[in-house]
Amino acid sequence: MSFKVQIRPSGHSFEAGAGESVLAAALRQGVVLPYGCRAGACGTCKAALLSGRVHYPDGLPSGLDDTVAGEILVCQAVPVTDLVLEAREIQLPGDIEIKNLPAKVADLSPLTHDIMRLRLKLPPSERLQFLAGQYLEILLKDGRRRGFSIANAPHDDAFIELHIRLVPGGHFTHYVFTEMRPKAMLRIEGPLGTYYLREDSARPVILVGGGTGFAPLKGMLEHAFHRGIDRPLHLFWGVRGRRDLYLQERIAEWCARYPNFHYTPVLSEPAPEDRWGGETGLVSEAVARHYPELRGHELYMSGPPAMIDAARVRFLALGLPAAQMFSDAFEFAADIRSAATGSA
């Protein structure tokens, strides 16, 4: 048995399965409602119940003021009838609360010889709501900040995934690779940035990453797959040599599973031992060879600033309107680059 949930004033509606919370059903079907802890404690996900009935399987949540009639917490409320709710929907980065939170290192795993995957766990009472493609900042004890793109999709938020490249002479990245251990505590702030996947368009999407610029694109793609977005999605990923490519098994799974997804890796300096027969040179030139006319496309790129600068000029010359080109290279101050741009 399922129940229909209507949201006002947006008019959006979705189905909640038996025993499924309103929030879980909404996120599963691409309706993004405000939430915080997802445990019923913070009250961020309050909504007005205009019609219908819900129940709370684990009892009345602590974040709900039972003296206020007609309010529910969508993260815990399970429909027992069709519902009509009045709730704000998340559409833009400004709709999401920026939080300053402690985070525990759940695990570290090397992706390549100089890239580490870091997964962070927030306190049980907290979750970080974000849009696919945004970033966060790690707050260092000396007052400096280091920004890294969030590599997981918003629906998969049990952990926060970061891809961190070892930068020669980089204080923080050296610590990550040589001293950091699971259970280490960090403090983060986010989500930040206006680099996120736009969903109000039917244009084919080209995604261009350089190095760990793959991180936010991974989050965007996993979000698009989860949402069932069927627009053509073409990922171009530029690195120096074959050893710099990672998570290739996952990308191969995407290629096999999603007919609207295509992948083109590009090596700028392939070594003889790479035995490379694919695209070489600048990743922007590989895009130009595949798409000599870009006017009808939407393009997302993340990577080192020099790559972004050159690619922007090239893509504008191919007819891509500036309003249809999105980049994260200009989101950060000089010493707060994302993982995509090589944070120290």
Protein backbone atom coordinates (compact mmCIF):
# COMPACT_ATOMS: atom_id res chain seq x y z
CA MET A 1 0.00 0.00 0.00
CA SER A 2 1.21 3.51 -0.80
CA PHE A 3 -0.10 6.99 -0.09
CA LYS A 4 -0.03 10.15 -2.17
CA VAL A 5 1.69 13.19 -0.66
CA GLN A 6 0.99 16.61 -2.16
CA ILE A 7 3.19 19.61 -1.37
CA ARG A 8 1.91 23.17 -1.38
CA PRO A 9 2.53 25.75 -2.70
CA SER A 10 4.74 24.00 -5.29
CA GLY A 11 2.07 21.52 -6.35
CA HIS A 12 4.56 18.65 -6.46
CA SER A 13 3.36 15.21 -5.41
CA PHE A 14 4.91 11.79 -4.79
CA GLU A 15 4.06 8.37 -3.42
CA ALA A 16 5.15 7.13 0.00
CA GLY A 17 5.44 3.39 0.41
CA ALA A 18 4.21 1.38 3.37
CA GLY A 19 6.21 2.31 6.45
CA GLU A 20 8.23 4.95 4.54
CA SER A 21 8.72 8.39 6.06
CA VAL A 22 7.56 11.43 4.14
CA LEU A 23 11.14 12.72 3.83
CA ALA A 24 12.56 9.40 2.62
CA ALA A 25 9.84 9.14 -0.02
CA ALA A 26 10.33 12.76 -1.11
CA LEU A 27 14.10 12.45 -1.49
CA ARG A 28 13.75 9.13 -3.30
CA GLN A 29 11.57 10.83 -5.90
CA GLY A 30 13.53 14.04 -6.24
CA VAL A 31 11.45 16.37 -4.07
CA VAL A 32 13.98 18.08 -1.78
CA LEU A 33 12.47 19.23 1.52
CA PRO A 34 14.51 20.97 4.23
CA TYR A 35 15.97 18.62 6.83
CA GLY A 36 18.74 18.56 9.39
CA CYS A 37 19.39 15.58 11.64
CA ARG A 38 16.96 13.09 10.01
CA ALA A 39 16.47 11.75 13.56
CA GLY A 40 13.53 13.86 14.73
CA ALA A 41 15.59 16.01 17.08
CA CYS A 42 16.36 19.31 15.35
CA GLY A 43 12.94 20.37 14.03
CA THR A 44 14.35 21.63 10.70
CA CYS A 45 11.95 19.47 8.67
CA LYS A 46 8.71 20.76 10.19
CA ALA A 47 5.79 21.01 7.78
CA ALA A 48 2.16 21.98 8.14
CA LEU A 49 -0.26 19.08 7.82
CA LEU A 50 -3.22 20.46 5.86
CA SER A 51 -5.03 17.17 5.49
CA GLY A 52 -4.47 13.50 6.25
CA ARG A 53 -2.96 11.56 9.14
CA VAL A 54 0.55 10.34 10.03
CA HIS A 55 2.09 8.27 12.78
CA TYR A 56 5.53 8.08 14.35
CA PRO A 57 6.75 4.46 14.60
CA ASP A 58 9.33 5.35 17.28
CA GLY A 59 7.09 7.65 19.29
CA LEU A 60 6.67 11.42 19.25
CA PRO A 61 9.98 12.99 18.10
CA SER A 62 11.78 15.26 20.56
CA GLY A 63 11.99 18.02 17.94
CA LEU A 64 8.22 18.31 17.65
CA ASP A 65 6.36 20.77 19.87
CA ASP A 66 3.15 18.91 20.57
CA THR A 67 1.49 22.18 21.61
CA VAL A 68 1.56 23.43 18.02
CA ALA A 69 -1.35 21.87 16.19
CA GLY A 70 -0.96 20.73 12.62
CA GLU A 71 2.83 20.44 12.49
CA ILE A 72 4.69 17.26 11.61
CA LEU A 73 8.34 16.29 11.25
CA VAL A 74 8.62 14.79 7.78
CA CYS A 75 11.82 12.88 8.62
CA GLN A 76 9.90 10.68 11.08
CA ALA A 77 6.27 10.98 10.02
CA VAL A 78 4.87 7.96 8.18
CA PRO A 79 1.61 8.50 6.25
CA VAL A 80 -1.40 6.39 7.12
CA THR A 81 -3.61 8.24 4.59
CA ASP A 82 -3.03 10.50 1.60
CA LEU A 83 -1.52 13.79 2.75
CA VAL A 84 -1.51 17.44 1.78
CA LEU A 85 1.40 19.37 3.31
CA GLU A 86 2.53 22.97 3.27
CA ALA A 87 6.33 22.93 3.12
CA ARG A 88 9.22 24.86 1.61
CA GLU A 89 11.20 23.04 -1.09
CA ILE A 90 14.93 23.35 -1.64
CA GLN A 91 15.66 24.81 -5.08
CA LEU A 92 18.87 26.88 -4.75
CA PRO A 93 22.02 26.90 -2.59
CA GLY A 94 20.63 29.88 -0.66
CA ASP A 95 17.76 27.70 0.48
CA ILE A 96 20.13 25.42 2.40
CA GLU A 97 21.50 26.16 5.84
CA ILE A 98 25.30 26.48 6.05
CA LYS A 99 26.48 24.58 9.11
CA ASN A 100 29.65 24.50 11.20
CA LEU A 101 29.99 20.94 12.46
CA PRO A 102 32.43 18.44 13.93
CA ALA A 103 33.15 15.44 11.71
CA LYS A 104 34.87 12.16 12.48
CA VAL A 105 37.08 10.42 9.92
CA ALA A 106 35.28 7.14 9.23
CA ASP A 107 37.89 5.75 6.86
CA LEU A 108 40.67 6.66 4.43
CA SER A 109 41.46 4.71 1.28
CA PRO A 110 43.96 5.49 -1.51
CA LEU A 111 42.38 5.93 -4.93
CA THR A 112 45.68 6.48 -6.76
CA HIS A 113 49.31 7.06 -5.81
CA ASP A 114 48.50 10.65 -4.81
CA ILE A 115 44.72 10.78 -4.21
CA MET A 116 43.04 9.74 -0.98
CA ARG A 117 39.35 9.13 -0.48
CA LEU A 118 38.24 10.49 2.88
CA ARG A 119 34.84 9.62 4.31
CA LEU A 120 33.54 11.75 7.16
CA LYS A 121 30.80 10.90 9.65
CA LEU A 122 28.79 13.65 11.31
CA PRO A 123 27.33 13.39 14.84
CA PRO A 124 24.24 11.15 15.06
CA SER A 125 22.00 14.19 15.50
CA GLU A 126 23.26 15.94 12.34
CA ARG A 127 23.14 15.57 8.58
CA LEU A 128 24.52 17.93 5.93
CA GLN A 129 21.96 18.86 3.31
CA PHE A 130 23.56 19.98 0.05
CA LEU A 131 23.12 20.13 -3.72
CA ALA A 132 25.11 17.86 -6.02
CA GLY A 133 28.35 19.65 -6.90
CA GLN A 134 28.72 21.88 -3.83
CA TYR A 135 31.77 21.90 -1.57
CA LEU A 136 32.69 22.25 2.08
CA GLU A 137 35.61 23.77 3.96
CA ILE A 138 37.75 22.04 6.56
CA LEU A 139 38.60 24.50 9.32
CA LEU A 140 42.20 24.12 10.45
CA LYS A 141 43.39 24.91 13.96
CA ASP A 142 45.53 27.83 12.77
CA GLY A 143 42.46 29.56 11.34
CA ARG A 144 43.10 28.61 7.71
CA ARG A 145 40.51 26.81 5.63
CA ARG A 146 40.79 24.15 2.98
CA GLY A 147 37.94 23.59 0.53
CA PHE A 148 37.03 20.24 -1.01
CA SER A 149 34.23 19.25 -3.36
CA ILE A 150 31.64 16.82 -2.00
CA ALA A 151 31.95 13.64 -4.07
CA ASN A 152 28.76 11.87 -3.02
CA ALA A 153 25.18 12.60 -4.06
CA PRO A 154 22.72 14.32 -1.70
CA HIS A 155 20.54 11.23 -1.25
CA ASP A 156 23.57 9.17 -0.16
CA ASP A 157 24.47 11.31 2.84
CA ALA A 158 25.31 8.80 5.58
CA PHE A 159 28.94 9.81 4.99
CA ILE A 160 30.57 12.80 3.31
CA GLU A 161 33.05 11.71 0.65
CA LEU A 162 36.06 13.83 -0.32
CA HIS A 163 38.84 13.15 -2.86
CA ILE A 164 42.08 14.74 -1.63
CA ARG A 165 45.16 15.06 -3.80
CA LEU A 166 48.60 15.17 -2.19
CA VAL A 167 50.08 18.60 -2.91
CA PRO A 168 53.88 18.93 -2.53
CA GLY A 169 54.49 21.17 0.46
CA GLY A 170 50.79 21.16 1.37
CA HIS A 171 50.45 21.11 5.15
CA PHE A 172 46.97 19.62 5.34
CA THR A 173 47.28 17.12 2.51
CA HIS A 174 50.61 15.91 3.93
CA TYR A 175 48.82 15.31 7.23
CA VAL A 176 46.06 13.37 5.46
CA PHE A 177 48.55 11.06 3.71
CA THR A 178 51.03 10.53 6.55
CA GLU A 179 49.37 11.03 9.92
CA MET A 180 45.58 11.04 9.72
CA ARG A 181 43.88 7.93 11.05
CA PRO A 182 40.26 6.79 11.34
CA LYS A 183 38.40 8.44 14.24
CA ALA A 184 40.41 11.67 13.84
CA MET A 185 38.20 14.70 14.46
CA LEU A 186 37.84 17.60 12.04
CA ARG A 187 35.59 20.65 11.90
CA ILE A 188 33.80 21.47 8.67
CA GLU A 189 31.64 24.24 7.31
CA GLY A 190 29.25 23.92 4.42
CA PRO A 191 27.72 23.35 2.03
CA LEU A 192 29.12 26.20 -0.04
CA GLY A 193 29.19 27.34 -3.64
CA THR A 194 26.82 27.84 -6.55
CA TYR A 195 28.27 25.00 -8.62
CA TYR A 196 25.50 22.44 -8.71
CA LEU A 197 23.53 20.43 -11.23
CA ARG A 198 20.70 22.48 -12.77
CA GLU A 199 17.64 20.32 -13.24
CA ASP A 200 15.29 22.80 -14.91
CA SER A 201 16.62 22.18 -18.41
CA ALA A 202 16.25 19.57 -21.14
CA ARG A 203 19.63 20.31 -22.77
CA PRO A 204 22.23 17.54 -23.18
CA VAL A 205 24.89 17.79 -20.48
CA ILE A 206 28.67 17.69 -20.93
CA LEU A 207 30.78 17.28 -17.79
CA VAL A 208 34.49 18.11 -17.97
CA GLY A 209 36.85 17.21 -15.13
CA GLY A 210 40.56 17.66 -14.62
CA GLY A 211 42.24 15.45 -12.00
CA THR A 212 40.20 15.37 -8.81
CA GLY A 213 37.75 17.68 -10.55
CA PHE A 214 36.01 14.36 -11.07
CA ALA A 215 34.78 14.56 -7.43
CA PRO A 216 31.87 17.02 -7.83
CA LEU A 217 31.01 15.52 -11.22
CA LYS A 218 30.70 12.11 -9.57
CA GLY A 219 28.19 13.59 -7.13
CA MET A 220 26.27 15.24 -9.97
CA LEU A 221 26.13 12.04 -12.01
CA GLU A 222 25.05 9.86 -9.11
CA HIS A 223 22.34 12.40 -8.34
CA ALA A 224 21.20 12.43 -11.99
CA PHE A 225 21.07 8.63 -12.08
CA HIS A 226 19.13 8.55 -8.80
CA ARG A 227 16.64 11.11 -10.09
CA GLY A 228 16.14 9.20 -13.33
CA ILE A 229 17.28 12.16 -15.45
CA ASP A 230 17.33 10.90 -19.02
CA ARG A 231 19.10 13.84 -20.70
CA PRO A 232 22.29 12.80 -22.52
CA LEU A 233 25.22 12.94 -20.05
CA HIS A 234 28.79 12.85 -21.41
CA LEU A 235 31.73 12.82 -18.99
CA PHE A 236 35.18 13.90 -20.21
CA TRP A 237 37.93 13.32 -17.65
CA GLY A 238 41.44 14.64 -18.28
CA VAL A 239 44.49 13.37 -16.36
CA ARG A 240 48.17 12.93 -17.11
CA GLY A 241 48.51 9.15 -17.28
CA ARG A 242 46.45 6.01 -16.88
CA ARG A 243 47.46 5.66 -13.22
CA ASP A 244 45.69 8.95 -12.46
CA LEU A 245 42.27 7.56 -13.40
CA TYR A 246 40.33 6.00 -10.54
CA LEU A 247 36.95 4.41 -9.81
CA GLN A 248 36.95 3.12 -13.38
CA GLU A 249 34.93 0.05 -12.41
CA ARG A 250 32.14 2.27 -11.16
CA ILE A 251 32.17 4.35 -14.32
CA ALA A 252 32.05 1.16 -16.37
CA GLU A 253 28.95 0.15 -14.41
CA TRP A 254 27.36 3.50 -15.23
CA CYS A 255 28.11 3.00 -18.92
CA ALA A 256 26.51 -0.45 -18.86
CA ARG A 257 23.47 0.58 -16.84
CA TYR A 258 22.53 4.01 -18.21
CA PRO A 259 22.17 4.29 -22.00
CA ASN A 260 22.13 8.10 -21.83
CA PHE A 261 25.61 8.19 -20.22
CA HIS A 262 28.90 8.27 -22.15
CA TYR A 263 32.47 8.48 -20.92
CA THR A 264 35.66 9.74 -22.58
CA PRO A 265 38.91 9.65 -20.57
CA VAL A 266 41.72 11.85 -21.92
CA LEU A 267 45.45 11.45 -21.13
CA SER A 268 47.63 14.51 -21.60
CA GLU A 269 50.97 12.69 -21.10
CA PRO A 270 50.44 8.96 -21.69
CA ALA A 271 53.48 6.84 -20.94
CA PRO A 272 54.50 3.93 -23.20
CA GLU A 273 53.48 1.48 -20.50
CA ASP A 274 49.96 2.96 -20.53
CA ARG A 275 49.38 1.35 -23.95
CA TRP A 276 46.81 4.05 -24.52
CA GLY A 277 44.64 4.09 -27.62
CA GLY A 278 42.13 6.66 -26.45
CA GLU A 279 41.94 10.45 -26.53
CA THR A 280 45.13 12.41 -25.76
CA GLY A 281 46.07 16.05 -25.27
CA LEU A 282 43.96 18.74 -23.63
CA VAL A 283 40.58 17.62 -22.37
CA SER A 284 38.98 20.76 -23.83
CA GLU A 285 40.23 19.80 -27.29
CA ALA A 286 38.77 16.33 -26.87
CA VAL A 287 35.41 17.94 -26.13
CA ALA A 288 35.81 20.12 -29.25
CA ARG A 289 36.49 17.07 -31.42
CA HIS A 290 33.31 15.39 -30.20
CA TYR A 291 31.17 18.55 -30.12
CA PRO A 292 32.27 21.18 -32.65
CA GLU A 293 28.98 23.01 -32.02
CA LEU A 294 28.01 23.52 -28.35
CA ARG A 295 25.19 26.02 -28.57
CA GLY A 296 22.50 23.54 -27.57
CA HIS A 297 24.39 22.00 -24.65
CA GLU A 298 24.88 22.66 -20.96
CA LEU A 299 28.43 22.26 -19.69
CA TYR A 300 29.88 21.72 -16.21
CA MET A 301 33.63 21.81 -15.61
CA SER A 302 35.81 21.44 -12.55
CA GLY A 303 39.56 21.31 -12.30
CA PRO A 304 42.67 23.47 -12.00
CA PRO A 305 42.04 27.17 -12.73
CA ALA A 306 44.38 27.16 -15.75
CA MET A 307 42.38 24.33 -17.30
CA ILE A 308 39.09 26.13 -16.63
CA ASP A 309 40.37 29.42 -18.06
CA ALA A 310 41.54 27.81 -21.30
CA ALA A 311 38.45 25.64 -21.64
CA ARG A 312 36.11 28.57 -21.13
CA VAL A 313 37.64 30.47 -24.05
CA ARG A 314 37.56 27.37 -26.23
CA PHE A 315 33.95 26.53 -25.47
CA LEU A 316 32.70 30.07 -25.99
CA ALA A 317 34.32 29.96 -29.44
CA LEU A 318 32.33 26.80 -30.16
CA GLY A 319 29.07 28.67 -29.59
CA LEU A 320 28.38 27.71 -25.97
CA PRO A 321 26.50 30.60 -24.30
CA ALA A 322 28.15 31.74 -21.08
CA ALA A 323 24.85 31.23 -19.25
CA GLN A 324 25.00 27.51 -20.10
CA MET A 325 28.54 27.01 -18.74
CA PHE A 326 29.13 26.31 -15.05
CA SER A 327 32.44 26.05 -13.21
CA ASP A 328 33.76 25.70 -9.67
CA ALA A 329 37.24 27.15 -10.30
CA PHE A 330 36.10 30.67 -9.45
CA GLU A 331 34.20 29.77 -6.32
CA PHE A 332 37.13 29.97 -3.90
CA ALA A 333 39.78 32.36 -2.68
CA ALA A 334 43.37 31.77 -3.78
CA ASP A 335 44.28 29.63 -0.77
CA ILE A 336 40.92 27.86 -0.49
CA ARG A 337 40.83 25.81 -3.63
CA SER A 338 38.62 22.77 -3.89
CA ALA A 339 40.01 19.31 -4.27
CA ALA A 340 39.42 19.83 -7.97
CA THR A 341 41.89 22.67 -8.04
CA GLY A 342 44.51 21.15 -5.79
CA SER A 343 44.07 22.29 -2.20
CA ALA A 344 47.21 22.42 -0.05
